[in-house]
N, C-alpha and C. Protein backbone atom coordinates (compact mmCIF):
# COMPACT_ATOMS: atom_id res chain seq x y z
N UNK A 1 135.20 177.22 6.07
CA UNK A 1 134.71 176.14 6.70
C UNK A 1 135.29 175.04 6.66
N UNK A 2 136.42 174.77 6.15
CA UNK A 2 137.20 173.98 6.71
C UNK A 2 138.20 174.33 7.34
N UNK A 3 138.24 175.15 7.84
CA UNK A 3 139.30 175.76 9.21
C UNK A 3 138.02 174.84 10.15
N UNK A 4 137.32 175.68 10.15
CA UNK A 4 136.27 174.76 11.54
C UNK A 4 136.77 173.17 11.26
N UNK A 5 135.93 172.57 10.55
CA UNK A 5 136.20 170.96 10.11
C UNK A 5 138.04 170.55 10.91
N UNK A 6 138.72 171.06 10.66
CA UNK A 6 140.20 170.83 10.86
C UNK A 6 140.23 171.54 12.18
N UNK A 7 139.85 172.16 12.62
CA UNK A 7 139.63 172.41 14.40
C UNK A 7 138.81 171.80 15.37
N UNK A 8 137.46 171.13 14.30
CA UNK A 8 136.62 170.24 15.47
C UNK A 8 137.53 168.73 15.00
N UNK A 9 138.05 168.54 14.26
CA UNK A 9 139.31 167.52 14.30
C UNK A 9 140.15 167.12 14.89
N UNK A 10 140.91 168.76 15.34
CA UNK A 10 142.09 168.86 15.75
C UNK A 10 141.82 168.52 17.54
N UNK A 11 140.70 169.13 18.17
CA UNK A 11 140.02 169.52 19.63
C UNK A 11 140.07 167.78 19.94
N UNK A 12 139.17 166.79 18.63
CA UNK A 12 138.67 165.49 18.94
C UNK A 12 140.42 165.08 19.57
N UNK A 13 141.15 165.14 18.66
CA UNK A 13 142.75 164.62 19.05
C UNK A 13 142.95 165.34 20.13
N UNK A 14 142.52 166.30 20.32
CA UNK A 14 143.17 167.03 21.93
C UNK A 14 142.21 165.86 23.00
N UNK A 15 141.51 165.69 22.98
CA UNK A 15 140.97 164.72 23.59
C UNK A 15 141.11 163.42 23.84
N UNK A 16 141.82 162.42 23.01
CA UNK A 16 142.13 161.73 22.32
C UNK A 16 143.88 161.79 23.33
N UNK A 17 144.19 163.15 23.22
CA UNK A 17 145.66 163.22 24.14
C UNK A 17 145.13 163.04 25.22
N UNK A 18 144.44 164.08 25.71
CA UNK A 18 144.54 164.35 27.21
C UNK A 18 143.96 163.25 27.77
N UNK A 19 143.08 161.98 27.65
CA UNK A 19 142.46 160.68 27.84
C UNK A 19 144.00 159.54 27.99
N UNK A 20 145.34 159.99 27.34
CA UNK A 20 146.65 159.12 26.97
C UNK A 20 146.77 159.73 28.42
N UNK A 21 147.15 161.06 28.79
CA UNK A 21 148.01 161.79 29.56
C UNK A 21 147.02 161.52 31.21
N UNK A 22 146.00 161.75 31.13
CA UNK A 22 145.48 162.41 32.10
C UNK A 22 144.53 160.84 32.86
N UNK A 23 145.13 160.61 34.03
CA UNK A 23 143.92 159.11 34.31
C UNK A 23 143.00 159.68 34.81
N UNK A 24 141.85 158.97 34.48
CA UNK A 24 140.42 159.90 35.34
C UNK A 24 139.57 160.40 34.15
N UNK A 25 140.00 160.29 32.96
CA UNK A 25 139.42 160.88 31.30
C UNK A 25 139.55 159.56 30.71
N UNK A 26 138.38 158.94 29.77
CA UNK A 26 138.40 157.99 29.22
C UNK A 26 137.64 158.59 27.77
N UNK A 27 138.02 158.19 26.71
CA UNK A 27 136.99 158.48 25.66
C UNK A 27 137.03 156.95 24.75
N UNK A 28 135.83 156.56 24.27
CA UNK A 28 136.01 155.29 23.57
C UNK A 28 136.15 155.41 22.47
N UNK A 29 136.51 155.94 21.16
CA UNK A 29 136.86 156.08 19.94
C UNK A 29 137.53 157.50 19.60
N UNK A 30 137.73 157.68 18.37
CA UNK A 30 137.91 159.08 17.64
C UNK A 30 136.65 159.48 16.89
N UNK A 31 135.98 157.82 16.27
CA UNK A 31 134.81 158.34 15.63
C UNK A 31 133.78 157.45 15.85
N UNK A 32 132.56 157.81 16.01
CA UNK A 32 131.93 158.97 16.61
C UNK A 32 132.12 159.80 17.82
N UNK A 33 132.68 159.26 19.08
CA UNK A 33 132.79 159.58 20.29
C UNK A 33 133.59 161.19 20.62
N UNK A 34 134.81 161.10 20.10
CA UNK A 34 135.47 162.15 20.55
C UNK A 34 135.34 163.30 19.48
N UNK A 35 134.64 163.09 18.59
CA UNK A 35 134.45 163.81 17.79
C UNK A 35 133.00 164.48 17.81
N UNK A 36 132.22 164.01 18.33
CA UNK A 36 130.83 164.46 18.47
C UNK A 36 131.42 164.74 20.02
N UNK A 37 132.43 164.67 20.56
CA UNK A 37 132.74 165.48 22.24
C UNK A 37 133.24 166.96 21.58
N UNK A 38 133.81 166.82 20.70
CA UNK A 38 134.37 168.12 20.48
C UNK A 38 133.57 169.47 19.76
N UNK A 39 132.08 168.89 18.87
CA UNK A 39 131.40 169.17 18.51
C UNK A 39 130.61 169.67 19.65
N UNK A 40 130.00 169.02 20.43
CA UNK A 40 129.47 169.54 21.82
C UNK A 40 130.76 170.56 22.51
N UNK A 41 131.16 170.47 22.90
CA UNK A 41 132.26 171.53 23.43
C UNK A 41 132.26 172.75 22.91
N UNK A 42 132.79 172.63 21.95
CA UNK A 42 132.46 173.56 20.84
C UNK A 42 131.16 174.69 21.10
N UNK A 43 129.98 173.97 20.88
CA UNK A 43 129.02 174.27 20.75
C UNK A 43 128.18 175.05 22.13
N UNK A 44 128.65 174.31 23.34
CA UNK A 44 128.73 174.66 24.51
C UNK A 44 129.09 175.83 24.80
N UNK A 45 130.71 176.23 24.13
CA UNK A 45 131.87 177.23 24.74
C UNK A 45 131.06 178.15 23.87
N UNK A 46 130.42 178.91 22.39
CA UNK A 46 129.59 179.47 22.12
C UNK A 46 128.05 180.27 22.45
N UNK A 47 127.63 178.93 23.14
CA UNK A 47 125.87 179.12 23.50
C UNK A 47 126.35 179.58 25.58
N UNK A 48 126.66 178.49 26.20
CA UNK A 48 126.06 178.41 27.01
C UNK A 48 127.22 179.29 28.18
N UNK A 49 128.86 179.18 28.00
CA UNK A 49 129.72 179.72 28.33
C UNK A 49 129.98 181.56 28.77
N UNK A 50 129.15 182.11 27.42
CA UNK A 50 129.07 183.28 27.85
C UNK A 50 127.48 183.34 28.09
N UNK A 51 126.82 182.95 28.46
CA UNK A 51 125.93 183.73 29.20
C UNK A 51 125.89 183.21 30.65
N UNK A 52 126.74 181.91 31.32
CA UNK A 52 127.40 181.70 32.86
C UNK A 52 128.69 182.83 32.89
N UNK A 53 129.37 183.29 32.09
CA UNK A 53 129.99 184.48 32.39
C UNK A 53 129.76 185.98 32.51
N UNK A 54 128.50 186.01 31.81
CA UNK A 54 127.75 187.46 32.45
C UNK A 54 127.24 186.87 33.76
N UNK A 55 126.21 186.32 33.90
CA UNK A 55 125.86 185.63 34.93
C UNK A 55 126.56 186.04 36.05
N UNK A 56 127.74 185.37 36.34
CA UNK A 56 128.35 185.29 36.91
C UNK A 56 130.08 186.24 37.10
N UNK A 57 129.96 187.18 36.35
CA UNK A 57 130.57 188.48 36.52
C UNK A 57 131.30 189.42 37.86
N UNK A 58 129.75 189.34 38.50
CA UNK A 58 130.34 189.57 39.75
C UNK A 58 131.38 189.02 40.81
N UNK A 59 130.64 187.55 40.99
CA UNK A 59 131.85 186.58 41.53
C UNK A 59 132.48 186.57 40.71
N UNK A 60 132.91 186.59 39.57
CA UNK A 60 134.63 186.52 38.86
C UNK A 60 135.14 188.01 39.41
N UNK A 61 134.78 188.44 39.19
CA UNK A 61 135.63 190.08 39.39
C UNK A 61 135.92 189.99 41.29
N UNK A 62 134.78 189.77 42.06
CA UNK A 62 135.52 189.34 42.90
C UNK A 62 136.80 188.64 43.46
N UNK A 63 136.43 187.69 42.90
CA UNK A 63 137.41 186.39 43.34
C UNK A 63 138.84 186.69 41.96
N UNK A 64 138.74 187.50 41.65
CA UNK A 64 139.75 188.03 40.77
C UNK A 64 140.01 186.85 39.50
N UNK A 65 139.18 186.72 38.83
CA UNK A 65 139.21 185.84 37.81
C UNK A 65 139.39 184.40 37.81
N UNK A 66 138.89 183.74 38.97
CA UNK A 66 139.18 182.42 39.31
C UNK A 66 138.20 181.94 39.13
N UNK A 67 137.17 182.30 39.03
CA UNK A 67 135.62 182.15 39.08
C UNK A 67 135.32 181.33 37.73
N UNK A 68 136.15 182.50 36.70
CA UNK A 68 135.95 182.20 35.34
C UNK A 68 136.71 180.81 34.92
N UNK A 69 138.08 180.44 35.47
CA UNK A 69 138.35 179.35 35.51
C UNK A 69 137.00 177.55 35.60
N UNK A 70 137.05 178.27 36.98
CA UNK A 70 135.67 177.09 37.37
C UNK A 70 134.79 176.81 35.85
N UNK A 71 134.22 178.29 35.64
CA UNK A 71 133.30 178.25 34.27
C UNK A 71 133.71 177.02 33.25
N UNK A 72 135.16 177.49 33.14
CA UNK A 72 135.88 176.22 31.85
C UNK A 72 135.84 175.28 32.21
N UNK A 73 135.81 175.12 33.57
CA UNK A 73 136.45 173.58 33.69
C UNK A 73 134.71 173.04 33.69
N UNK A 74 133.52 173.64 34.25
CA UNK A 74 132.27 173.62 34.28
C UNK A 74 131.96 172.66 32.68
N UNK A 75 132.00 173.72 31.80
CA UNK A 75 131.80 173.44 30.29
C UNK A 75 132.61 172.34 29.92
N UNK A 76 133.84 172.42 30.03
CA UNK A 76 134.52 171.01 29.94
C UNK A 76 133.87 169.73 30.42
N UNK A 77 133.35 169.42 31.53
CA UNK A 77 133.23 168.64 32.16
C UNK A 77 131.40 168.11 31.80
N UNK A 78 131.04 169.35 31.08
CA UNK A 78 129.68 169.04 30.50
C UNK A 78 129.67 168.13 29.60
N UNK A 79 131.02 167.92 28.76
CA UNK A 79 130.96 166.98 27.68
C UNK A 79 130.60 165.45 27.87
N UNK A 80 130.91 165.55 29.18
CA UNK A 80 130.66 163.94 29.64
C UNK A 80 128.85 163.47 29.37
N UNK A 81 128.10 164.21 28.97
CA UNK A 81 126.65 163.65 28.64
C UNK A 81 126.88 163.15 27.19
N UNK A 82 128.22 163.07 26.59
CA UNK A 82 128.41 162.39 25.36
C UNK A 82 128.74 160.84 25.74
N UNK A 83 128.02 159.66 25.23
CA UNK A 83 128.25 158.27 25.49
C UNK A 83 129.39 158.50 25.17
N UNK A 84 130.20 157.54 25.99
CA UNK A 84 131.32 156.82 26.08
C UNK A 84 132.91 158.20 26.28
N UNK A 85 132.36 159.31 27.03
CA UNK A 85 133.52 159.69 27.15
C UNK A 85 133.02 159.82 28.86
N UNK A 86 133.86 159.91 29.68
CA UNK A 86 134.04 159.86 30.70
C UNK A 86 134.79 160.75 31.59
N UNK A 87 134.74 161.65 32.75
CA UNK A 87 135.93 162.31 33.55
C UNK A 87 135.08 162.35 35.07
N UNK A 88 136.54 161.68 35.83
CA UNK A 88 136.02 161.04 36.93
C UNK A 88 136.19 162.10 37.61
N UNK A 89 136.42 163.45 37.61
CA UNK A 89 136.28 164.60 39.04
C UNK A 89 137.04 165.77 38.15
N UNK A 90 137.41 166.60 39.11
CA UNK A 90 137.80 167.84 39.11
C UNK A 90 139.41 167.94 38.46
N UNK A 91 139.76 167.43 39.28
CA UNK A 91 141.55 167.73 39.22
C UNK A 91 141.43 166.82 37.23
N UNK A 92 140.84 165.76 37.02
CA UNK A 92 141.08 165.24 35.66
C UNK A 92 140.48 166.29 34.88
N UNK A 93 139.58 167.40 35.56
CA UNK A 93 138.75 168.27 34.14
C UNK A 93 139.62 168.93 33.81
N UNK A 94 140.20 169.57 34.88
CA UNK A 94 140.98 170.44 34.62
C UNK A 94 142.64 170.14 33.90
N UNK A 95 142.80 169.06 34.07
CA UNK A 95 143.75 169.45 33.42
C UNK A 95 143.74 168.78 32.39
N UNK A 96 142.57 167.88 32.15
CA UNK A 96 142.03 167.84 30.61
C UNK A 96 141.77 168.94 29.90
N UNK A 97 141.20 170.10 30.22
CA UNK A 97 140.83 171.16 29.91
C UNK A 97 142.27 171.87 29.50
N UNK A 98 143.23 171.73 30.03
CA UNK A 98 144.49 172.63 29.98
C UNK A 98 145.09 171.88 28.68
N UNK A 99 145.13 170.71 28.55
CA UNK A 99 145.93 170.00 27.64
C UNK A 99 145.17 170.42 26.32
N UNK A 100 143.57 169.98 26.74
CA UNK A 100 142.42 170.67 24.77
C UNK A 100 143.09 172.02 24.95
N UNK A 101 143.49 173.23 25.89
CA UNK A 101 143.30 174.07 25.03
C UNK A 101 144.72 174.91 24.72
N UNK A 102 145.95 174.09 25.38
CA UNK A 102 147.12 174.69 24.57
C UNK A 102 147.13 173.68 23.19
N UNK A 103 146.91 172.37 23.28
CA UNK A 103 146.58 172.14 21.62
C UNK A 103 145.83 172.95 20.66
N UNK A 104 144.85 173.49 20.99
CA UNK A 104 143.75 174.27 20.31
C UNK A 104 144.74 175.50 19.91
N UNK A 105 145.13 175.93 20.97
CA UNK A 105 145.86 177.28 20.65
C UNK A 105 146.95 177.04 20.02
N UNK A 106 147.69 175.77 20.08
CA UNK A 106 148.54 175.97 18.76
C UNK A 106 148.15 175.36 17.62
N UNK A 107 147.07 175.02 17.50
CA UNK A 107 146.10 174.96 16.00
C UNK A 107 146.20 176.04 15.12
N UNK A 108 145.61 176.72 16.29
CA UNK A 108 144.84 177.74 15.93
C UNK A 108 146.26 179.37 15.28
N UNK A 109 147.41 178.58 16.15
CA UNK A 109 148.34 179.58 15.25
C UNK A 109 148.92 179.25 14.25
N UNK A 110 149.13 177.74 14.50
CA UNK A 110 148.87 177.38 12.76
C UNK A 110 148.29 177.33 11.31
N UNK A 111 147.12 177.42 11.50
CA UNK A 111 145.77 177.67 10.99
C UNK A 111 145.89 179.16 10.45
N UNK A 112 146.80 180.12 11.03
CA UNK A 112 146.29 181.16 10.60
C UNK A 112 147.62 181.66 9.25
């Protein structure tokens, strides 16, 4: 349980790092905006993303996995429904997703 809370806080911090390095992403504050956005992002990754990947498997197969990347960007963009988080387009969403993914990956390695 503690591992999941740490992971949540790391993703929230990664959102703030993405805001710092990518123009087009704004997050109002760490608490509660970034933490809530990280929670929603994790929830979407567990619920919506697998459904979209199953439904889009033929398109993903034909596009050699490129459509899977678009699904990941779409799921990341959905956190803009959290009040205080804005992502101003496709490129900022893609760059922000890359930053959050790298930071989460490093945190997973450290927490193991």
